[in-house]
PDB file of N, CA and C in Angstrom:
ATOM      1  N   UNK A   1       0.811  -1.192   0.000  1.00  0.00           N
ATOM      2  CA  UNK A   1       0.000   0.000   0.000  1.00  0.00           C
ATOM      3  C   UNK A   1       0.860   1.264   0.000  1.00  0.00           C
ATOM      4  N   UNK A   2       1.893   1.261   0.833  1.00  0.00           N
ATOM      5  CA  UNK A   2       2.776   2.424   0.907  1.00  0.00           C
ATOM      6  C   UNK A   2       3.540   2.606  -0.411  1.00  0.00           C
ATOM      7  N   UNK A   3       3.947   1.475  -1.017  1.00  0.00           N
ATOM      8  CA  UNK A   3       4.658   1.552  -2.303  1.00  0.00           C
ATOM      9  C   UNK A   3       3.764   2.126  -3.392  1.00  0.00           C
ATOM     10  N   UNK A   4       2.522   1.730  -3.425  1.00  0.00           N
ATOM     11  CA  UNK A   4       1.585   2.246  -4.433  1.00  0.00           C
ATOM     12  C   UNK A   4       1.440   3.750  -4.289  1.00  0.00           C
ATOM     13  N   UNK A   5       1.373   4.219  -3.069  1.00  0.00           N
ATOM     14  CA  UNK A   5       1.250   5.644  -2.813  1.00  0.00           C
ATOM     15  C   UNK A   5       2.495   6.402  -3.289  1.00  0.00           C
ATOM     16  N   UNK A   6       3.664   5.835  -3.017  1.00  0.00           N
ATOM     17  CA  UNK A   6       4.926   6.470  -3.448  1.00  0.00           C
ATOM     18  C   UNK A   6       5.026   6.462  -4.969  1.00  0.00           C
ATOM     19  N   UNK A   7       4.720   5.331  -5.608  1.00  0.00           N
ATOM     20  CA  UNK A   7       4.766   5.258  -7.069  1.00  0.00           C
ATOM     21  C   UNK A   7       3.727   6.174  -7.711  1.00  0.00           C
ATOM     22  N   UNK A   8       2.577   6.271  -7.143  1.00  0.00           N
ATOM     23  CA  UNK A   8       1.551   7.181  -7.656  1.00  0.00           C
ATOM     24  C   UNK A   8       1.984   8.629  -7.550  1.00  0.00           C
ATOM     25  N   UNK A   9       2.557   8.989  -6.403  1.00  0.00           N
ATOM     26  CA  UNK A   9       3.062  10.360  -6.222  1.00  0.00           C
ATOM     27  C   UNK A   9       4.190  10.661  -7.204  1.00  0.00           C
ATOM     28  N   UNK A  10       5.104   9.695  -7.374  1.00  0.00           N
ATOM     29  CA  UNK A  10       6.218   9.865  -8.312  1.00  0.00           C
ATOM     30  C   UNK A  10       5.710  10.020  -9.750  1.00  0.00           C
ATOM     31  N   UNK A  11       4.719   9.230 -10.126  1.00  0.00           N
ATOM     32  CA  UNK A  11       4.140   9.339 -11.467  1.00  0.00           C
ATOM     33  C   UNK A  11       3.468  10.702 -11.649  1.00  0.00           C
ATOM     34  N   UNK A  12       2.785  11.185 -10.622  1.00  0.00           N
ATOM     35  CA  UNK A  12       2.146  12.489 -10.688  1.00  0.00           C
ATOM     36  C   UNK A  12       3.169  13.611 -10.850  1.00  0.00           C
ATOM     37  N   UNK A  13       4.259  13.549 -10.088  1.00  0.00           N
ATOM     38  CA  UNK A  13       5.313  14.568 -10.179  1.00  0.00           C
ATOM     39  C   UNK A  13       5.972  14.539 -11.558  1.00  0.00           C
ATOM     40  N   UNK A  14       6.265  13.358 -12.079  1.00  0.00           N
ATOM     41  CA  UNK A  14       6.886  13.255 -13.405  1.00  0.00           C
ATOM     42  C   UNK A  14       5.952  13.756 -14.506  1.00  0.00           C
ATOM     43  N   UNK A  15       4.686  13.475 -14.403  1.00  0.00           N
ATOM     44  CA  UNK A  15       3.709  13.965 -15.383  1.00  0.00           C
ATOM     45  C   UNK A  15       3.611  15.486 -15.338  1.00  0.00           C
ATOM     46  N   UNK A  16       3.567  16.034 -14.139  1.00  0.00           N
ATOM     47  CA  UNK A  16       3.519  17.495 -13.999  1.00  0.00           C
ATOM     48  C   UNK A  16       4.781  18.130 -14.577  1.00  0.00           C
ATOM     49  N   UNK A  17       5.921  17.514 -14.329  1.00  0.00           N
ATOM     50  CA  UNK A  17       7.187  18.024 -14.863  1.00  0.00           C
ATOM     51  C   UNK A  17       7.179  17.982 -16.391  1.00  0.00           C
ATOM     52  N   UNK A  18       6.664  16.929 -16.960  1.00  0.00           N
ATOM     53  CA  UNK A  18       6.588  16.808 -18.416  1.00  0.00           C
ATOM     54  C   UNK A  18       5.681  17.880 -19.003  1.00  0.00           C
ATOM     55  N   UNK A  19       4.530  18.103 -18.386  1.00  0.00           N
ATOM     56  CA  UNK A  19       3.586  19.110 -18.891  1.00  0.00           C
ATOM     57  C   UNK A  19       4.170  20.514 -18.798  1.00  0.00           C
ATOM     58  N   UNK A  20       4.766  20.828 -17.661  1.00  0.00           N
ATOM     59  CA  UNK A  20       5.372  22.162 -17.487  1.00  0.00           C
ATOM     60  C   UNK A  20       6.537  22.354 -18.455  1.00  0.00           C
ATOM     61  N   UNK A  21       7.374  21.336 -18.618  1.00  0.00           N
ATOM     62  CA  UNK A  21       8.494  21.424 -19.553  1.00  0.00           C
ATOM     63  C   UNK A  21       8.031  21.617 -20.985  1.00  0.00           C
ATOM     64  N   UNK A  22       6.976  20.915 -21.372  1.00  0.00           N
ATOM     65  CA  UNK A  22       6.449  21.060 -22.730  1.00  0.00           C
ATOM     66  C   UNK A  22       5.902  22.461 -22.953  1.00  0.00           C
ATOM     67  N   UNK A  23       5.219  23.025 -21.960  1.00  0.00           N
ATOM     68  CA  UNK A  23       4.688  24.385 -22.096  1.00  0.00           C
ATOM     69  C   UNK A  23       5.812  25.412 -22.222  1.00  0.00           C
ATOM     70  N   UNK A  24       6.850  25.261 -21.410  1.00  0.00           N
ATOM     71  CA  UNK A  24       7.989  26.188 -21.479  1.00  0.00           C
ATOM     72  C   UNK A  24       8.667  26.084 -22.838  1.00  0.00           C
ATOM     73  N   UNK A  25       8.859  24.861 -23.325  1.00  0.00           N
ATOM     74  CA  UNK A  25       9.496  24.668 -24.623  1.00  0.00           C
ATOM     75  C   UNK A  25       8.672  25.289 -25.740  1.00  0.00           C
ATOM     76  N   UNK A  26       7.373  25.064 -25.740  1.00  0.00           N
ATOM     77  CA  UNK A  26       6.520  25.599 -26.801  1.00  0.00           C
ATOM     78  C   UNK A  26       6.459  27.116 -26.764  1.00  0.00           C
ATOM     79  N   UNK A  27       6.419  27.703 -25.582  1.00  0.00           N
ATOM     80  CA  UNK A  27       6.386  29.169 -25.511  1.00  0.00           C
ATOM     81  C   UNK A  27       7.709  29.773 -25.964  1.00  0.00           C
ATOM     82  N   UNK A  28       8.835  29.121 -25.661  1.00  0.00           N
ATOM     83  CA  UNK A  28      10.123  29.650 -26.131  1.00  0.00           C
ATOM     84  C   UNK A  28      10.271  29.453 -27.633  1.00  0.00           C
ATOM     85  N   UNK A  29       9.728  28.367 -28.176  1.00  0.00           N
ATOM     86  CA  UNK A  29       9.787  28.143 -29.628  1.00  0.00           C
ATOM     87  C   UNK A  29       8.946  29.181 -30.361  1.00  0.00           C
ATOM     88  N   UNK A  30       7.793  29.541 -29.817  1.00  0.00           N
ATOM     89  CA  UNK A  30       6.953  30.567 -30.436  1.00  0.00           C
ATOM     90  C   UNK A  30       7.625  31.926 -30.373  1.00  0.00           C
ATOM     91  N   UNK A  31       8.307  32.225 -29.279  1.00  0.00           N
ATOM     92  CA  UNK A  31       9.018  33.496 -29.162  1.00  0.00           C
ATOM     93  C   UNK A  31      10.164  33.561 -30.161  1.00  0.00           C
ATOM     94  N   UNK A  32      10.837  32.452 -30.389  1.00  0.00           N
ATOM     95  CA  UNK A  32      11.934  32.423 -31.358  1.00  0.00           C
ATOM     96  C   UNK A  32      11.413  32.612 -32.771  1.00  0.00           C
ATOM     97  N   UNK A  33      10.226  32.080 -33.076  1.00  0.00           N
ATOM     98  CA  UNK A  33       9.651  32.245 -34.411  1.00  0.00           C
ATOM     99  C   UNK A  33       9.314  33.699 -34.696  1.00  0.00           C
ATOM    100  N   UNK A  34       8.886  34.451 -33.699  1.00  0.00           N
ATOM    101  CA  UNK A  34       8.512  35.841 -33.900  1.00  0.00           C
ATOM    102  C   UNK A  34       9.710  36.688 -34.284  1.00  0.00           C
ATOM    103  N   UNK A  35      10.913  36.304 -33.843  1.00  0.00           N
ATOM    104  CA  UNK A  35      12.100  37.093 -34.122  1.00  0.00           C
ATOM    105  C   UNK A  35      12.978  36.426 -35.186  1.00  0.00           C
ATOM    106  N   UNK A  36      12.399  35.580 -35.995  1.00  0.00           N
ATOM    107  CA  UNK A  36      13.146  34.877 -37.021  1.00  0.00           C
ATOM    108  C   UNK A  36      13.337  35.766 -38.250  1.00  0.00           C
ATOM    109  N   UNK A  37      14.472  35.639 -38.889  1.00  0.00           N
ATOM    110  CA  UNK A  37      14.761  36.435 -40.079  1.00  0.00           C
ATOM    111  C   UNK A  37      14.058  35.891 -41.325  1.00  0.00           C
ATOM    112  N   UNK A  38      13.715  34.624 -41.337  1.00  0.00           N
ATOM    113  CA  UNK A  38      13.190  34.009 -42.551  1.00  0.00           C
ATOM    114  C   UNK A  38      11.867  34.590 -43.038  1.00  0.00           C
ATOM    115  N   UNK A  39      10.874  34.830 -42.173  1.00  0.00           N
ATOM    116  CA  UNK A  39       9.647  35.455 -42.696  1.00  0.00           C
ATOM    117  C   UNK A  39       9.915  36.855 -43.265  1.00  0.00           C
ATOM    118  N   UNK A  40      10.828  37.587 -42.647  1.00  0.00           N
ATOM    119  CA  UNK A  40      11.157  38.923 -43.150  1.00  0.00           C
ATOM    120  C   UNK A  40      11.886  38.843 -44.482  1.00  0.00           C
ATOM    121  N   UNK A  41      12.768  37.872 -44.622  1.00  0.00           N
ATOM    122  CA  UNK A  41      13.463  37.706 -45.902  1.00  0.00           C
ATOM    123  C   UNK A  41      12.501  37.262 -47.000  1.00  0.00           C
ATOM    124  N   UNK A  42      11.520  36.466 -46.625  1.00  0.00           N
ATOM    125  CA  UNK A  42      10.504  36.063 -47.599  1.00  0.00           C
ATOM    126  C   UNK A  42       9.712  37.281 -48.073  1.00  0.00           C
ATOM    127  N   UNK A  43       9.341  38.150 -47.155  1.00  0.00           N
ATOM    128  CA  UNK A  43       8.642  39.386 -47.512  1.00  0.00           C
ATOM    129  C   UNK A  43       9.524  40.264 -48.392  1.00  0.00           C
ATOM    130  N   UNK A  44      10.794  40.390 -48.029  1.00  0.00           N
ATOM    131  CA  UNK A  44      11.735  41.202 -48.800  1.00  0.00           C
ATOM    132  C   UNK A  44      11.853  40.691 -50.235  1.00  0.00           C
ATOM    133  N   UNK A  45      12.012  39.383 -50.409  1.00  0.00           N
ATOM    134  CA  UNK A  45      12.161  38.857 -51.773  1.00  0.00           C
ATOM    135  C   UNK A  45      10.854  38.992 -52.555  1.00  0.00           C
ATOM    136  N   UNK A  46       9.699  38.870 -51.866  1.00  0.00           N
ATOM    137  CA  UNK A  46       8.415  39.056 -52.539  1.00  0.00           C
ATOM    138  C   UNK A  46       8.279  40.484 -53.062  1.00  0.00           C
ATOM    139  N   UNK A  47       8.611  41.458 -52.219  1.00  0.00           N
ATOM    140  CA  UNK A  47       8.521  42.869 -52.627  1.00  0.00           C
ATOM    141  C   UNK A  47       9.512  43.163 -53.743  1.00  0.00           C
ATOM    142  N   UNK A  48      10.712  42.605 -53.656  1.00  0.00           N
ATOM    143  CA  UNK A  48      11.711  42.838 -54.697  1.00  0.00           C
ATOM    144  C   UNK A  48      11.227  42.296 -56.039  1.00  0.00           C
ATOM    145  N   UNK A  49      10.602  41.125 -56.033  1.00  0.00           N
ATOM    146  CA  UNK A  49      10.053  40.565 -57.274  1.00  0.00           C
ATOM    147  C   UNK A  49       8.907  41.416 -57.809  1.00  0.00           C
ATOM    148  N   UNK A  50       8.041  41.921 -56.909  1.00  0.00           N
ATOM    149  CA  UNK A  50       6.934  42.790 -57.337  1.00  0.00           C
ATOM    150  C   UNK A  50       7.457  44.069 -57.971  1.00  0.00           C
ATOM    151  N   UNK A  51       8.508  44.641 -57.408  1.00  0.00           N
ATOM    152  CA  UNK A  51       9.089  45.861 -57.973  1.00  0.00           C
ATOM    153  C   UNK A  51       9.632  45.572 -59.366  1.00  0.00           C
ATOM    154  N   UNK A  52      10.368  44.486 -59.498  1.00  0.00           N
ATOM    155  CA  UNK A  52      10.919  44.154 -60.814  1.00  0.00           C
ATOM    156  C   UNK A  52       9.818  43.876 -61.834  1.00  0.00           C
ATOM    157  N   UNK A  53       8.710  43.292 -61.388  1.00  0.00           N
ATOM    158  CA  UNK A  53       7.645  42.907 -62.308  1.00  0.00           C
ATOM    159  C   UNK A  53       6.696  44.064 -62.615  1.00  0.00           C
ATOM    160  N   UNK A  54       6.293  44.833 -61.600  1.00  0.00           N
ATOM    161  CA  UNK A  54       5.214  45.806 -61.758  1.00  0.00           C
ATOM    162  C   UNK A  54       5.657  47.267 -61.786  1.00  0.00           C
ATOM    163  N   UNK A  55       6.881  47.574 -61.410  1.00  0.00           N
ATOM    164  CA  UNK A  55       7.350  48.958 -61.428  1.00  0.00           C
ATOM    165  C   UNK A  55       7.527  49.411 -62.869  1.00  0.00           C
ATOM    166  N   UNK A  56       7.286  50.701 -63.119  1.00  0.00           N
ATOM    167  CA  UNK A  56       7.339  51.231 -64.486  1.00  0.00           C
ATOM    168  C   UNK A  56       8.685  50.928 -65.139  1.00  0.00           C
ATOM    169  N   UNK A  57       9.780  51.211 -64.448  1.00  0.00           N
ATOM    170  CA  UNK A  57      11.119  50.946 -64.979  1.00  0.00           C
ATOM    171  C   UNK A  57      11.739  49.722 -64.308  1.00  0.00           C
ATOM    172  N   UNK A  58      10.939  48.756 -63.959  1.00  0.00           N
ATOM    173  CA  UNK A  58      11.416  47.585 -63.235  1.00  0.00           C
ATOM    174  C   UNK A  58      12.482  46.796 -63.964  1.00  0.00           C
ATOM    175  N   UNK A  59      12.395  46.752 -65.280  1.00  0.00           N
ATOM    176  CA  UNK A  59      13.392  46.011 -66.051  1.00  0.00           C
ATOM    177  C   UNK A  59      14.736  46.737 -66.084  1.00  0.00           C
ATOM    178  N   UNK A  60      14.709  48.054 -65.804  1.00  0.00           N
ATOM    179  CA  UNK A  60      15.950  48.831 -65.797  1.00  0.00           C
ATOM    180  C   UNK A  60      16.603  48.864 -64.426  1.00  0.00           C
ATOM    181  N   UNK A  61      15.965  48.269 -63.428  1.00  0.00           N
ATOM    182  CA  UNK A  61      16.508  48.234 -62.074  1.00  0.00           C
ATOM    183  C   UNK A  61      17.015  46.824 -61.814  1.00  0.00           C
ATOM    184  N   UNK A  62      18.289  46.711 -61.460  1.00  0.00           N
ATOM    185  CA  UNK A  62      18.847  45.382 -61.207  1.00  0.00           C
ATOM    186  C   UNK A  62      18.577  44.949 -59.770  1.00  0.00           C
ATOM    187  N   UNK A  63      18.687  43.667 -59.542  1.00  0.00           N
ATOM    188  CA  UNK A  63      18.534  43.149 -58.188  1.00  0.00           C
ATOM    189  C   UNK A  63      19.595  43.744 -57.269  1.00  0.00           C
ATOM    190  N   UNK A  64      20.793  43.908 -57.790  1.00  0.00           N
ATOM    191  CA  UNK A  64      21.876  44.486 -56.986  1.00  0.00           C
ATOM    192  C   UNK A  64      21.529  45.911 -56.561  1.00  0.00           C
ATOM    193  N   UNK A  65      20.966  46.707 -57.476  1.00  0.00           N
ATOM    194  CA  UNK A  65      20.564  48.065 -57.120  1.00  0.00           C
ATOM    195  C   UNK A  65      19.519  48.062 -56.008  1.00  0.00           C
ATOM    196  N   UNK A  66      18.551  47.163 -56.112  1.00  0.00           N
ATOM    197  CA  UNK A  66      17.502  47.088 -55.093  1.00  0.00           C
ATOM    198  C   UNK A  66      18.056  46.653 -53.743  1.00  0.00           C
ATOM    199  N   UNK A  67      18.934  45.654 -53.759  1.00  0.00           N
ATOM    200  CA  UNK A  67      19.510  45.167 -52.505  1.00  0.00           C
ATOM    201  C   UNK A  67      20.403  46.236 -51.881  1.00  0.00           C
ATOM    202  N   UNK A  68      21.234  46.896 -52.672  1.00  0.00           N
ATOM    203  CA  UNK A  68      22.109  47.951 -52.130  1.00  0.00           C
ATOM    204  C   UNK A  68      21.280  49.091 -51.541  1.00  0.00           C
ATOM    205  N   UNK A  69      20.197  49.479 -52.234  1.00  0.00           N
ATOM    206  CA  UNK A  69      19.343  50.550 -51.715  1.00  0.00           C
ATOM    207  C   UNK A  69      18.689  50.129 -50.399  1.00  0.00           C
ATOM    208  N   UNK A  70      18.271  48.865 -50.314  1.00  0.00           N
ATOM    209  CA  UNK A  70      17.659  48.369 -49.078  1.00  0.00           C
ATOM    210  C   UNK A  70      18.678  48.340 -47.945  1.00  0.00           C
ATOM    211  N   UNK A  71      19.901  47.923 -48.237  1.00  0.00           N
ATOM    212  CA  UNK A  71      20.945  47.898 -47.207  1.00  0.00           C
ATOM    213  C   UNK A  71      21.298  49.302 -46.738  1.00  0.00           C
ATOM    214  N   UNK A  72      21.378  50.233 -47.674  1.00  0.00           N
ATOM    215  CA  UNK A  72      21.651  51.626 -47.290  1.00  0.00           C
ATOM    216  C   UNK A  72      20.553  52.165 -46.382  1.00  0.00           C
ATOM    217  N   UNK A  73      19.306  51.912 -46.753  1.00  0.00           N
ATOM    218  CA  UNK A  73      18.187  52.377 -45.938  1.00  0.00           C
ATOM    219  C   UNK A  73      18.172  51.724 -44.567  1.00  0.00           C
ATOM    220  N   UNK A  74      18.456  50.434 -44.515  1.00  0.00           N
ATOM    221  CA  UNK A  74      18.454  49.713 -43.247  1.00  0.00           C
ATOM    222  C   UNK A  74      19.519  50.260 -42.306  1.00  0.00           C
ATOM    223  N   UNK A  75      20.724  50.453 -42.803  1.00  0.00           N
ATOM    224  CA  UNK A  75      21.804  50.926 -41.936  1.00  0.00           C
ATOM    225  C   UNK A  75      21.663  52.396 -41.588  1.00  0.00           C
ATOM    226  N   UNK A  76      21.052  53.186 -42.465  1.00  0.00           N
ATOM    227  CA  UNK A  76      20.835  54.605 -42.149  1.00  0.00           C
ATOM    228  C   UNK A  76      19.842  54.792 -41.016  1.00  0.00           C
ATOM    229  N   UNK A  77      18.965  53.803 -40.783  1.00  0.00           N
ATOM    230  CA  UNK A  77      18.001  53.932 -39.693  1.00  0.00           C
ATOM    231  C   UNK A  77      18.623  53.619 -38.336  1.00  0.00           C
ATOM    232  N   UNK A  78      19.804  53.022 -38.300  1.00  0.00           N
ATOM    233  CA  UNK A  78      20.403  52.636 -37.021  1.00  0.00           C
ATOM    234  C   UNK A  78      20.888  53.841 -36.230  1.00  0.00           C
ATOM    235  N   UNK A  79      21.806  54.571 -36.790  1.00  0.00           N
ATOM    236  CA  UNK A  79      22.338  55.775 -36.147  1.00  0.00           C
ATOM    237  C   UNK A  79      23.064  56.592 -37.213  1.00  0.00           C
ATOM    238  N   UNK A  80      23.439  57.830 -36.914  1.00  0.00           N
ATOM    239  CA  UNK A  80      24.061  58.664 -37.957  1.00  0.00           C
ATOM    240  C   UNK A  80      25.463  58.209 -38.368  1.00  0.00           C
ATOM    241  N   UNK A  81      26.056  57.280 -37.644  1.00  0.00           N
ATOM    242  CA  UNK A  81      27.426  56.869 -37.945  1.00  0.00           C
ATOM    243  C   UNK A  81      27.502  55.570 -38.745  1.00  0.00           C
ATOM    244  N   UNK A  82      26.369  54.899 -38.943  1.00  0.00           N
ATOM    245  CA  UNK A  82      26.360  53.637 -39.689  1.00  0.00           C
ATOM    246  C   UNK A  82      25.932  53.900 -41.123  1.00  0.00           C
ATOM    247  N   UNK A  83      26.655  53.320 -42.042  1.00  0.00           N
ATOM    248  CA  UNK A  83      26.281  53.443 -43.446  1.00  0.00           C
ATOM    249  C   UNK A  83      26.773  52.234 -44.214  1.00  0.00           C
ATOM    250  N   UNK A  84      26.087  51.928 -45.291  1.00  0.00           N
ATOM    251  CA  UNK A  84      26.489  50.849 -46.183  1.00  0.00           C
ATOM    252  C   UNK A  84      27.345  51.446 -47.287  1.00  0.00           C
ATOM    253  N   UNK A  85      28.501  50.851 -47.508  1.00  0.00           N
ATOM    254  CA  UNK A  85      29.387  51.311 -48.573  1.00  0.00           C
ATOM    255  C   UNK A  85      29.466  50.206 -49.625  1.00  0.00           C
ATOM    256  N   UNK A  86      29.235  50.587 -50.864  1.00  0.00           N
ATOM    257  CA  UNK A  86      29.335  49.626 -51.955  1.00  0.00           C
ATOM    258  C   UNK A  86      30.794  49.225 -52.140  1.00  0.00           C
ATOM    259  N   UNK A  87      31.024  48.025 -52.664  1.00  0.00           N
ATOM    260  CA  UNK A  87      32.405  47.555 -52.821  1.00  0.00           C
ATOM    261  C   UNK A  87      33.295  48.512 -53.627  1.00  0.00           C
ATOM    262  N   UNK A  88      32.719  49.180 -54.615  1.00  0.00           N
ATOM    263  CA  UNK A  88      33.520  50.108 -55.423  1.00  0.00           C
ATOM    264  C   UNK A  88      34.023  51.276 -54.581  1.00  0.00           C
ATOM    265  N   UNK A  89      33.197  51.763 -53.665  1.00  0.00           N
ATOM    266  CA  UNK A  89      33.611  52.902 -52.849  1.00  0.00           C
ATOM    267  C   UNK A  89      34.588  52.496 -51.754  1.00  0.00           C
ATOM    268  N   UNK A  90      34.578  51.235 -51.354  1.00  0.00           N
ATOM    269  CA  UNK A  90      35.527  50.803 -50.327  1.00  0.00           C
ATOM    270  C   UNK A  90      36.921  50.599 -50.897  1.00  0.00           C
ATOM    271  N   UNK A  91      37.015  50.386 -52.201  1.00  0.00           N
ATOM    272  CA  UNK A  91      38.334  50.229 -52.811  1.00  0.00           C
ATOM    273  C   UNK A  91      39.128  51.524 -52.743  1.00  0.00           C
ATOM    274  N   UNK A  92      38.437  52.657 -52.785  1.00  0.00           N
ATOM    275  CA  UNK A  92      39.128  53.938 -52.751  1.00  0.00           C
ATOM    276  C   UNK A  92      39.596  54.305 -51.348  1.00  0.00           C
ATOM    277  N   UNK A  93      39.076  53.632 -50.345  1.00  0.00           N
ATOM    278  CA  UNK A  93      39.514  53.896 -48.969  1.00  0.00           C
ATOM    279  C   UNK A  93      40.880  53.269 -48.748  1.00  0.00           C
ATOM    280  N   UNK A  94      41.821  54.059 -48.275  1.00  0.00           N
ATOM    281  CA  UNK A  94      43.164  53.531 -48.043  1.00  0.00           C
ATOM    282  C   UNK A  94      43.266  52.839 -46.689  1.00  0.00           C
ATOM    283  N   UNK A  95      42.470  53.273 -45.717  1.00  0.00           N
ATOM    284  CA  UNK A  95      42.508  52.656 -44.398  1.00  0.00           C
ATOM    285  C   UNK A  95      41.135  52.078 -44.080  1.00  0.00           C
ATOM    286  N   UNK A  96      41.138  51.062 -43.268  1.00  0.00           N
ATOM    287  CA  UNK A  96      39.897  50.442 -42.837  1.00  0.00           C
ATOM    288  C   UNK A  96      39.467  51.077 -41.528  1.00  0.00           C
ATOM    289  N   UNK A  97      38.233  51.554 -41.451  1.00  0.00           N
ATOM    290  CA  UNK A  97      37.789  52.149 -40.193  1.00  0.00           C
ATOM    291  C   UNK A  97      37.736  51.104 -39.088  1.00  0.00           C
ATOM    292  N   UNK A  98      38.036  51.515 -37.881  1.00  0.00           N
ATOM    293  CA  UNK A  98      38.030  50.612 -36.732  1.00  0.00           C
ATOM    294  C   UNK A  98      37.140  51.193 -35.650  1.00  0.00           C
ATOM    295  N   UNK A  99      36.671  50.332 -34.776  1.00  0.00           N
ATOM    296  CA  UNK A  99      35.899  50.783 -33.626  1.00  0.00           C
ATOM    297  C   UNK A  99      34.417  50.866 -33.919  1.00  0.00           C
ATOM    298  N   UNK A 100      33.659  51.488 -33.001  1.00  0.00           N
ATOM    299  CA  UNK A 100      32.201  51.511 -33.127  1.00  0.00           C
ATOM    300  C   UNK A 100      31.702  52.357 -34.283  1.00  0.00           C
ATOM    301  N   UNK A 101      32.524  53.234 -34.825  1.00  0.00           N
ATOM    302  CA  UNK A 101      32.077  54.098 -35.908  1.00  0.00           C
ATOM    303  C   UNK A 101      32.406  53.521 -37.289  1.00  0.00           C
ATOM    304  N   UNK A 102      32.832  52.271 -37.326  1.00  0.00           N
ATOM    305  CA  UNK A 102      33.205  51.646 -38.596  1.00  0.00           C
ATOM    306  C   UNK A 102      31.984  51.508 -39.492  1.00  0.00           C
ATOM    307  N   UNK A 103      32.183  51.773 -40.781  1.00  0.00           N
ATOM    308  CA  UNK A 103      31.100  51.645 -41.768  1.00  0.00           C
ATOM    309  C   UNK A 103      30.958  50.188 -42.148  1.00  0.00           C
ATOM    310  N   UNK A 104      29.738  49.764 -42.413  1.00  0.00           N
ATOM    311  CA  UNK A 104      29.491  48.394 -42.851  1.00  0.00           C
ATOM    312  C   UNK A 104      29.775  48.321 -44.341  1.00  0.00           C
ATOM    313  N   UNK A 105      30.539  47.357 -44.744  1.00  0.00           N
ATOM    314  CA  UNK A 105      30.860  47.213 -46.157  1.00  0.00           C
ATOM    315  C   UNK A 105      30.957  45.739 -46.503  1.00  0.00           C
ATOM    316  N   UNK A 106      30.688  45.445 -47.763  1.00  0.00           N
ATOM    317  CA  UNK A 106      30.838  44.058 -48.225  1.00  0.00           C
ATOM    318  C   UNK A 106      32.289  43.755 -48.470  1.00  0.00           C
TER     319      UNK A 106
END
């Protein structure tokens, strides 16, 4: 009788632990999905395709131009010291910037 009570209590504790662990795991997985880059990249590529297809001069705009413009806009929103430099403009730089004010470049 005492063993049944101990085994029943142990089974109850293990079941509760499993349920709580599953809830914590699922809530952390949902939080990770909200901050995932993939849905945003999917939206970005969809918009880029729409621009190329439906924009008046879409055929005259290259994918590289669109991506560079998006990168420039993204980095300009961070702070006044961050900027995207195209590879051609970085070749003319004789020194590489160092520290927190360094420009982002490919």
